[in-house]
Amino acid sequence: MRPVTRRRLLGAALAAGAAAFASFAWGRKRTRVAVSVTPAKDLLFEGVRVFDGERFLEGSRSVLVRDGTIAEISPISTAGADVPRRHGGVLFPGFVDAHVHLSFFDAPSVAQAGVIAVLDLGEPLDYAFSSHPPLRFRAAGPLITAPGGYPTRSWGANGYGLEVAGEKEAREAVAMLADRGAAMIKVAIEPGAGPVLDETALRAVGEAAHARRLEVAAHALGLASVKAAVAAGVDVLAHTPIDRLPDDLLHSLGSAGITVISTVRAFGSRASTRDNLAALAAAGCPVVYGTDLGNDGIQPGIDTAELAILEEALGGRERALAAATAGAGALAGVRGRIAVREPADLVWVPAFSSFDDLGKDLHVWVGRA
């Protein structure tokens, strides 16, 4: 999250109103979109082009769904005439956004626009650890931060930050979040927005999380913050850093295999951020798609502009699509793939020649849990 946005300064008390406004504005801006969201039951896609979460399969395929699960992928299906059919078009796994703040929107608006699973990286406890259908939803809970640290003085003043003073409280906070069901632990390292945890407390967060088999994501945008995150042993950068990264730090990040969530558009698509994303990928960091939904200007669903940025950074359209399906799914706890025995979380479009085609005429299915 950016330290200040007009929407977030209103705080959690106005979250529902902000969500309603955002959904209304989104509908007005994208009136060409025709969307349906349907529970996947029995369905046959015939003569469909398939992106399986890693690549486009050669030729056209038949994809058979039975009781919400993918039962068959073959050149020609053996399904009987009783199965409803859809002919042609292009089929994708449900998209996955690995960085959202869902409480500022609503789950149906996200799913209707093609995103079926999300990783929420900053919410009050009660919201974070409840379900939000029809999405597959996992959350980190509030950001662990120093007393008075980011985001408690701005958008997160109403439970989005969990303040800890020192190593002992840091470990206790991780234990509490893990017991509540956290999918990941997120720590704030944002010196421009208040105090930050010292090296000992940051390291304690990482040790406690790893002891519970949880990864740690860091909000670390600046150069000093990224260095602190690496020293603390974090696993994930929740954003692409905005300060240009030197070669030695890029090497350290790549050698450690630290995953980077893109969120480039949330910070104005700066040239330095885009360059960092490409350099991080080249250094060996896994790069996945995330939008930081909740920031001004970021709308629910598939962000086609963020996909274009990923295509440029990763060197190919298939790589960008993989970052937004199987790649982001690895963080969000879903497979993000079209494969036999996987849930039929599917997005279908009548044609696909550019990312813009993912912003219109979508049909979305949510498979069996």
Protein backbone atom coordinates (compact mmCIF):
# COMPACT_ATOMS: atom_id res chain seq x y z
CA MET A 1 0.00 0.00 0.00
CA ARG A 2 1.06 3.58 -0.58
CA PRO A 3 1.42 5.51 2.69
CA VAL A 4 -1.52 7.83 1.88
CA THR A 5 -4.52 7.52 -0.39
CA ARG A 6 -7.67 9.55 -0.17
CA ARG A 7 -9.80 6.44 0.09
CA ARG A 8 -7.75 4.84 2.83
CA LEU A 9 -7.52 7.92 5.00
CA LEU A 10 -11.24 7.53 5.59
CA GLY A 11 -10.42 4.38 7.54
CA ALA A 12 -12.24 1.16 8.08
CA ALA A 13 -15.43 2.88 9.26
CA LEU A 14 -16.09 3.99 5.69
CA ALA A 15 -14.95 0.79 4.00
CA ALA A 16 -18.43 -0.32 2.98
CA GLY A 17 -19.23 3.07 1.46
CA ALA A 18 -15.93 3.13 -0.38
CA ALA A 19 -16.60 -0.34 -1.76
CA ALA A 20 -20.03 0.66 -3.03
CA PHE A 21 -18.62 3.77 -4.68
CA ALA A 22 -15.74 1.86 -6.23
CA SER A 23 -18.05 -0.82 -7.63
CA PHE A 24 -20.33 1.85 -9.10
CA ALA A 25 -17.44 3.71 -10.66
CA TRP A 26 -15.99 0.50 -12.08
CA GLY A 27 -19.31 -0.37 -13.71
CA ARG A 28 -19.53 3.04 -15.31
CA LYS A 29 -16.00 2.92 -16.68
CA ARG A 30 -16.28 -0.58 -18.14
CA THR A 31 -19.77 -0.69 -19.57
CA ARG A 32 -18.63 -2.89 -22.47
CA VAL A 33 -17.88 -5.78 -20.12
CA ALA A 34 -20.37 -8.63 -20.21
CA VAL A 35 -19.71 -10.96 -17.28
CA SER A 36 -21.36 -14.00 -15.82
CA VAL A 37 -20.17 -15.96 -12.78
CA THR A 38 -21.49 -19.50 -12.51
CA PRO A 39 -20.79 -22.40 -10.16
CA ALA A 40 -19.08 -25.01 -12.29
CA LYS A 41 -21.08 -28.24 -12.56
CA ASP A 42 -21.17 -30.31 -15.76
CA LEU A 43 -19.90 -28.55 -18.87
CA LEU A 44 -17.92 -29.33 -22.01
CA PHE A 45 -15.71 -26.83 -23.81
CA GLU A 46 -15.18 -28.00 -27.39
CA GLY A 47 -12.59 -26.72 -29.84
CA VAL A 48 -11.22 -24.34 -27.24
CA ARG A 49 -7.74 -22.85 -27.04
CA VAL A 50 -6.33 -23.56 -23.56
CA PHE A 51 -3.84 -21.67 -21.42
CA ASP A 52 -3.10 -24.18 -18.67
CA GLY A 53 -1.40 -21.87 -16.16
CA GLU A 54 2.04 -22.15 -17.72
CA ARG A 55 1.58 -22.12 -21.50
CA PHE A 56 -0.92 -22.33 -24.33
CA LEU A 57 -1.50 -25.95 -25.28
CA GLU A 58 -0.95 -26.81 -28.91
CA GLY A 59 -4.05 -26.90 -31.08
CA SER A 60 -7.60 -26.87 -29.81
CA ARG A 61 -8.83 -29.07 -27.00
CA SER A 62 -11.94 -30.38 -25.35
CA VAL A 63 -12.17 -29.71 -21.63
CA LEU A 64 -14.78 -31.64 -19.70
CA VAL A 65 -16.01 -30.47 -16.30
CA ARG A 66 -17.87 -32.88 -14.06
CA ASP A 67 -19.36 -31.75 -10.75
CA GLY A 68 -17.12 -28.69 -10.58
CA THR A 69 -13.89 -30.57 -11.28
CA ILE A 70 -11.90 -30.85 -14.52
CA ALA A 71 -12.40 -34.45 -15.60
CA GLU A 72 -10.79 -34.59 -19.02
CA ILE A 73 -8.55 -32.58 -21.37
CA SER A 74 -8.24 -34.16 -24.78
CA PRO A 75 -8.29 -33.45 -28.52
CA ILE A 76 -11.78 -34.97 -28.77
CA SER A 77 -14.08 -35.53 -25.80
CA THR A 78 -16.00 -38.72 -25.16
CA ALA A 79 -18.70 -36.88 -23.19
CA GLY A 80 -22.29 -37.74 -23.98
CA ALA A 81 -24.88 -35.48 -25.54
CA ASP A 82 -26.39 -34.71 -22.14
CA VAL A 83 -23.50 -32.38 -21.16
CA PRO A 84 -24.00 -28.65 -21.89
CA ARG A 85 -21.47 -27.39 -24.42
CA ARG A 86 -19.58 -24.22 -25.25
CA HIS A 87 -17.76 -24.07 -28.58
CA GLY A 88 -14.53 -22.27 -29.47
CA GLY A 89 -12.98 -19.35 -27.64
CA VAL A 90 -10.07 -19.31 -25.20
CA LEU A 91 -10.00 -20.83 -21.73
CA PHE A 92 -7.82 -19.69 -18.83
CA PRO A 93 -7.54 -20.75 -15.20
CA GLY A 94 -9.21 -18.35 -12.81
CA PHE A 95 -6.81 -15.48 -12.28
CA VAL A 96 -5.12 -14.95 -8.91
CA ASP A 97 -4.25 -11.61 -7.31
CA ALA A 98 -1.46 -12.05 -4.77
CA HIS A 99 -1.85 -8.62 -3.15
CA VAL A 100 -5.25 -7.19 -2.28
CA HIS A 101 -7.00 -5.35 0.54
CA LEU A 102 -10.44 -6.77 -0.11
CA SER A 103 -12.34 -4.86 2.57
CA PHE A 104 -12.22 -1.76 0.39
CA PHE A 105 -14.19 -3.53 -2.34
CA ASP A 106 -16.33 -6.68 -2.29
CA ALA A 107 -15.71 -10.26 -3.28
CA PRO A 108 -18.38 -10.58 -6.01
CA SER A 109 -17.04 -7.61 -7.98
CA VAL A 110 -13.57 -9.17 -7.98
CA ALA A 111 -14.80 -12.59 -9.10
CA GLN A 112 -17.05 -11.15 -11.79
CA ALA A 113 -13.99 -9.61 -13.40
CA GLY A 114 -12.08 -12.89 -13.64
CA VAL A 115 -10.08 -13.12 -10.39
CA ILE A 116 -11.11 -16.24 -8.48
CA ALA A 117 -8.47 -16.36 -5.73
CA VAL A 118 -6.74 -13.65 -3.71
CA LEU A 119 -4.06 -13.27 -1.08
CA ASP A 120 -5.04 -10.41 1.21
CA LEU A 121 -2.01 -8.67 2.70
CA GLY A 122 -3.51 -6.34 5.24
CA GLU A 123 -6.83 -6.49 7.09
CA PRO A 124 -8.19 -6.30 10.64
CA LEU A 125 -8.32 -9.65 12.36
CA ASP A 126 -12.04 -10.41 12.08
CA TYR A 127 -12.22 -9.58 8.39
CA ALA A 128 -8.99 -11.39 7.55
CA PHE A 129 -10.01 -14.67 9.09
CA SER A 130 -13.51 -15.02 7.71
CA SER A 131 -14.70 -16.26 4.32
CA HIS A 132 -15.60 -14.02 1.38
CA PRO A 133 -17.41 -16.04 -1.27
CA PRO A 134 -17.25 -16.62 -4.15
CA LEU A 135 -13.50 -15.96 -3.86
CA ARG A 136 -10.90 -18.40 -2.69
CA PHE A 137 -9.56 -16.15 0.04
CA ARG A 138 -6.41 -16.34 2.15
CA ALA A 139 -5.03 -13.58 4.31
CA ALA A 140 -2.06 -12.44 6.35
CA GLY A 141 -4.09 -10.38 8.80
CA PRO A 142 -2.79 -7.01 9.99
CA LEU A 143 0.75 -5.86 9.22
CA ILE A 144 3.19 -6.37 12.08
CA THR A 145 4.75 -2.97 12.75
CA ALA A 146 6.44 -0.85 15.38
CA PRO A 147 4.33 1.23 17.79
CA GLY A 148 3.08 4.14 15.70
CA GLY A 149 4.54 2.57 12.57
CA TYR A 150 3.08 2.18 9.10
CA PRO A 151 0.16 1.91 8.43
CA THR A 152 -1.26 2.90 11.82
CA ARG A 153 -0.96 6.66 11.24
CA SER A 154 -2.69 6.68 7.86
CA TRP A 155 -5.05 4.32 6.09
CA GLY A 156 -4.54 1.51 8.60
CA ALA A 157 -5.50 3.32 11.79
CA ASN A 158 -8.41 0.96 12.45
CA GLY A 159 -6.84 -2.44 12.93
CA TYR A 160 -4.81 -2.86 9.74
CA GLY A 161 -1.56 -2.72 11.72
CA LEU A 162 -0.51 -4.88 14.67
CA GLU A 163 1.92 -2.87 16.83
CA VAL A 164 4.67 -4.72 18.69
CA ALA A 165 7.43 -3.43 20.92
CA GLY A 166 10.47 -5.64 20.67
CA GLU A 167 11.36 -9.25 20.05
CA LYS A 168 9.04 -10.89 22.58
CA GLU A 169 5.92 -9.14 21.33
CA ALA A 170 6.95 -9.83 17.74
CA ARG A 171 7.06 -13.56 18.40
CA GLU A 172 3.75 -13.44 20.27
CA ALA A 173 2.12 -11.58 17.38
CA VAL A 174 3.25 -14.22 14.89
CA ALA A 175 1.95 -17.00 17.14
CA MET A 176 -1.43 -15.30 17.46
CA LEU A 177 -1.75 -14.75 13.70
CA ALA A 178 -0.70 -18.31 12.97
CA ASP A 179 -3.26 -19.65 15.43
CA ARG A 180 -5.96 -17.54 13.77
CA GLY A 181 -5.13 -19.10 10.39
CA ALA A 182 -2.75 -16.66 8.70
CA ALA A 183 -1.59 -17.77 5.26
CA MET A 184 1.48 -15.54 5.50
CA ILE A 185 2.97 -12.99 7.89
CA LYS A 186 3.43 -9.43 6.66
CA VAL A 187 5.80 -6.95 8.24
CA ALA A 188 6.01 -3.21 7.57
CA ILE A 189 9.37 -1.55 6.91
CA GLU A 190 8.31 1.96 5.95
CA PRO A 191 10.56 4.56 7.65
CA GLY A 192 8.91 7.44 5.81
CA ALA A 193 5.62 6.80 7.61
CA GLY A 194 6.67 6.30 11.23
CA PRO A 195 8.91 4.13 13.41
CA VAL A 196 10.08 0.75 12.15
CA LEU A 197 10.99 -2.46 13.94
CA ASP A 198 14.67 -2.86 14.72
CA GLU A 199 16.81 -5.63 13.31
CA THR A 200 16.28 -7.93 16.29
CA ALA A 201 12.48 -7.66 16.14
CA LEU A 202 12.42 -8.12 12.37
CA ARG A 203 14.56 -11.23 12.67
CA ALA A 204 12.27 -12.53 15.42
CA VAL A 205 9.26 -12.18 13.13
CA GLY A 206 11.00 -14.26 10.48
CA GLU A 207 12.18 -16.94 12.88
CA ALA A 208 8.79 -17.28 14.53
CA ALA A 209 6.97 -17.42 11.19
CA HIS A 210 9.33 -19.98 9.71
CA ALA A 211 8.96 -22.12 12.83
CA ARG A 212 5.24 -22.21 12.04
CA ARG A 213 5.98 -22.94 8.34
CA LEU A 214 4.75 -19.53 7.26
CA GLU A 215 6.45 -17.23 4.80
CA VAL A 216 7.09 -13.58 5.60
CA ALA A 217 6.23 -10.75 3.21
CA ALA A 218 7.70 -7.29 3.68
CA HIS A 219 6.27 -3.93 2.75
CA ALA A 220 9.63 -2.50 1.69
CA LEU A 221 9.67 0.12 -1.03
CA GLY A 222 12.92 2.02 -0.52
CA LEU A 223 16.51 0.88 -0.78
CA ALA A 224 17.19 0.83 2.96
CA SER A 225 13.94 -1.04 3.60
CA VAL A 226 14.77 -3.72 1.05
CA LYS A 227 18.20 -4.20 2.61
CA ALA A 228 16.56 -4.58 6.02
CA ALA A 229 14.11 -7.11 4.61
CA VAL A 230 16.89 -9.21 3.13
CA ALA A 231 18.86 -9.09 6.39
CA ALA A 232 15.74 -10.24 8.27
CA GLY A 233 15.32 -13.25 5.99
CA VAL A 234 11.95 -12.39 4.46
CA ASP A 235 10.59 -14.62 1.72
CA VAL A 236 8.46 -12.18 -0.26
CA LEU A 237 8.57 -8.52 -1.26
CA ALA A 238 4.95 -7.39 -1.18
CA HIS A 239 5.73 -4.75 -3.82
CA THR A 240 8.31 -4.12 -6.49
CA PRO A 241 10.65 -1.59 -4.85
CA ILE A 242 10.50 1.94 -6.22
CA ASP A 243 14.12 2.97 -5.52
CA ARG A 244 16.50 1.69 -8.17
CA LEU A 245 18.26 -1.40 -6.81
CA PRO A 246 22.04 -1.84 -7.13
CA ASP A 247 23.50 -4.97 -8.67
CA ASP A 248 24.79 -6.41 -5.39
CA LEU A 249 21.36 -6.20 -3.80
CA LEU A 250 19.72 -7.69 -6.87
CA HIS A 251 22.16 -10.59 -6.63
CA SER A 252 21.32 -11.08 -2.93
CA LEU A 253 17.60 -11.08 -3.63
CA GLY A 254 17.96 -13.52 -6.52
CA SER A 255 20.30 -15.84 -4.62
CA ALA A 256 17.82 -15.98 -1.76
CA GLY A 257 14.97 -16.75 -4.17
CA ILE A 258 12.82 -13.96 -2.73
CA THR A 259 9.47 -13.75 -4.51
CA VAL A 260 8.35 -10.35 -5.78
CA ILE A 261 4.69 -9.33 -6.11
CA SER A 262 4.44 -6.83 -8.94
CA THR A 263 1.98 -4.02 -7.86
CA VAL A 264 3.73 -1.63 -10.27
CA ARG A 265 0.65 0.37 -11.23
CA ALA A 266 -0.26 1.02 -7.60
CA PHE A 267 2.80 3.25 -7.39
CA GLY A 268 2.39 5.15 -10.62
CA SER A 269 4.23 2.78 -13.00
CA ARG A 270 7.53 4.57 -12.35
CA ALA A 271 10.40 3.82 -14.69
CA SER A 272 12.59 2.81 -11.73
CA THR A 273 9.96 0.36 -10.52
CA ARG A 274 9.53 -1.21 -13.94
CA ASP A 275 13.30 -1.49 -14.35
CA ASN A 276 13.55 -3.12 -10.92
CA LEU A 277 10.90 -5.69 -11.81
CA ALA A 278 12.77 -6.75 -14.95
CA ALA A 279 16.09 -6.79 -13.09
CA LEU A 280 14.69 -8.84 -10.22
CA ALA A 281 13.30 -11.40 -12.64
CA ALA A 282 16.63 -11.56 -14.46
CA ALA A 283 18.40 -12.04 -11.11
CA GLY A 284 16.31 -15.15 -10.44
CA CYS A 285 13.52 -13.84 -8.23
CA PRO A 286 10.15 -15.46 -8.88
CA VAL A 287 7.78 -12.68 -9.97
CA VAL A 288 4.03 -12.95 -9.50
CA TYR A 289 1.04 -10.79 -10.29
CA GLY A 290 -0.53 -8.57 -7.66
CA THR A 291 -2.35 -5.26 -7.89
CA ASP A 292 -2.58 -3.87 -4.34
CA LEU A 293 -6.33 -3.59 -4.84
CA GLY A 294 -7.61 -0.95 -2.46
CA ASN A 295 -5.38 1.84 -3.73
CA ASP A 296 -6.88 4.68 -5.72
CA GLY A 297 -6.99 3.85 -9.41
CA ILE A 298 -6.84 0.07 -9.00
CA GLN A 299 -10.11 -1.60 -9.96
CA PRO A 300 -11.30 -5.11 -9.10
CA GLY A 301 -10.55 -7.98 -11.44
CA ILE A 302 -7.90 -8.63 -14.05
CA ASP A 303 -5.65 -5.58 -14.40
CA THR A 304 -4.68 -5.75 -18.05
CA ALA A 305 -2.21 -2.87 -17.72
CA GLU A 306 -0.37 -4.70 -14.91
CA LEU A 307 -0.24 -7.78 -17.15
CA ALA A 308 1.34 -5.68 -19.91
CA ILE A 309 3.98 -4.48 -17.46
CA LEU A 310 4.69 -8.08 -16.50
CA GLU A 311 4.93 -9.08 -20.15
CA GLU A 312 7.62 -6.44 -20.65
CA ALA A 313 9.50 -7.35 -17.46
CA LEU A 314 9.36 -11.13 -17.92
CA GLY A 315 9.89 -11.20 -21.66
CA GLY A 316 6.70 -12.78 -22.93
CA ARG A 317 2.93 -12.93 -22.80
CA GLU A 318 2.78 -16.52 -21.57
CA ARG A 319 5.12 -15.65 -18.70
CA ALA A 320 2.89 -12.75 -17.69
CA LEU A 321 -0.20 -14.96 -17.77
CA ALA A 322 1.61 -17.63 -15.76
CA ALA A 323 2.55 -15.01 -13.16
CA ALA A 324 -1.15 -14.21 -12.77
CA THR A 325 -2.34 -17.81 -12.55
CA ALA A 326 0.01 -20.59 -11.40
CA GLY A 327 2.64 -18.14 -10.14
CA ALA A 328 0.36 -16.05 -7.95
CA GLY A 329 -1.52 -19.21 -7.01
CA ALA A 330 1.60 -20.57 -5.33
CA LEU A 331 1.35 -17.73 -2.81
CA ALA A 332 -2.44 -17.74 -2.55
CA GLY A 333 -2.74 -21.46 -1.87
CA VAL A 334 -4.34 -22.50 -5.16
CA ARG A 335 -2.92 -24.31 -8.15
CA GLY A 336 -3.99 -21.75 -10.73
CA ARG A 337 -3.96 -24.39 -13.46
CA ILE A 338 -6.22 -26.16 -15.90
CA ALA A 339 -5.47 -29.81 -15.22
CA VAL A 340 -7.38 -33.02 -14.63
CA ARG A 341 -8.72 -33.33 -11.07
CA GLU A 342 -8.27 -29.61 -10.40
CA PRO A 343 -11.24 -27.43 -9.42
CA ALA A 344 -12.90 -25.90 -12.46
CA ASP A 345 -12.00 -22.29 -11.69
CA LEU A 346 -12.19 -21.03 -15.25
CA VAL A 347 -12.30 -17.85 -17.31
CA TRP A 348 -13.52 -18.02 -20.91
CA VAL A 349 -13.35 -15.33 -23.58
CA PRO A 350 -14.58 -15.62 -27.18
CA ALA A 351 -11.18 -14.53 -28.56
CA PHE A 352 -7.74 -13.58 -27.27
CA SER A 353 -5.27 -11.49 -29.23
CA SER A 354 -4.22 -9.03 -26.51
CA PHE A 355 -4.66 -8.51 -22.79
CA ASP A 356 -7.47 -6.07 -23.56
CA ASP A 357 -9.62 -9.08 -24.48
CA LEU A 358 -9.57 -10.04 -20.80
CA GLY A 359 -11.48 -6.87 -19.99
CA LYS A 360 -14.62 -7.67 -21.96
CA ASP A 361 -17.06 -10.51 -22.56
CA LEU A 362 -15.74 -12.66 -19.73
CA HIS A 363 -17.51 -15.76 -18.52
CA VAL A 364 -16.35 -17.05 -15.14
CA TRP A 365 -16.87 -20.38 -13.42
CA VAL A 366 -16.03 -21.22 -9.82
CA GLY A 367 -15.24 -24.87 -9.32
CA ARG A 368 -15.69 -27.29 -6.49
CA ALA A 369 -13.87 -26.37 -3.28
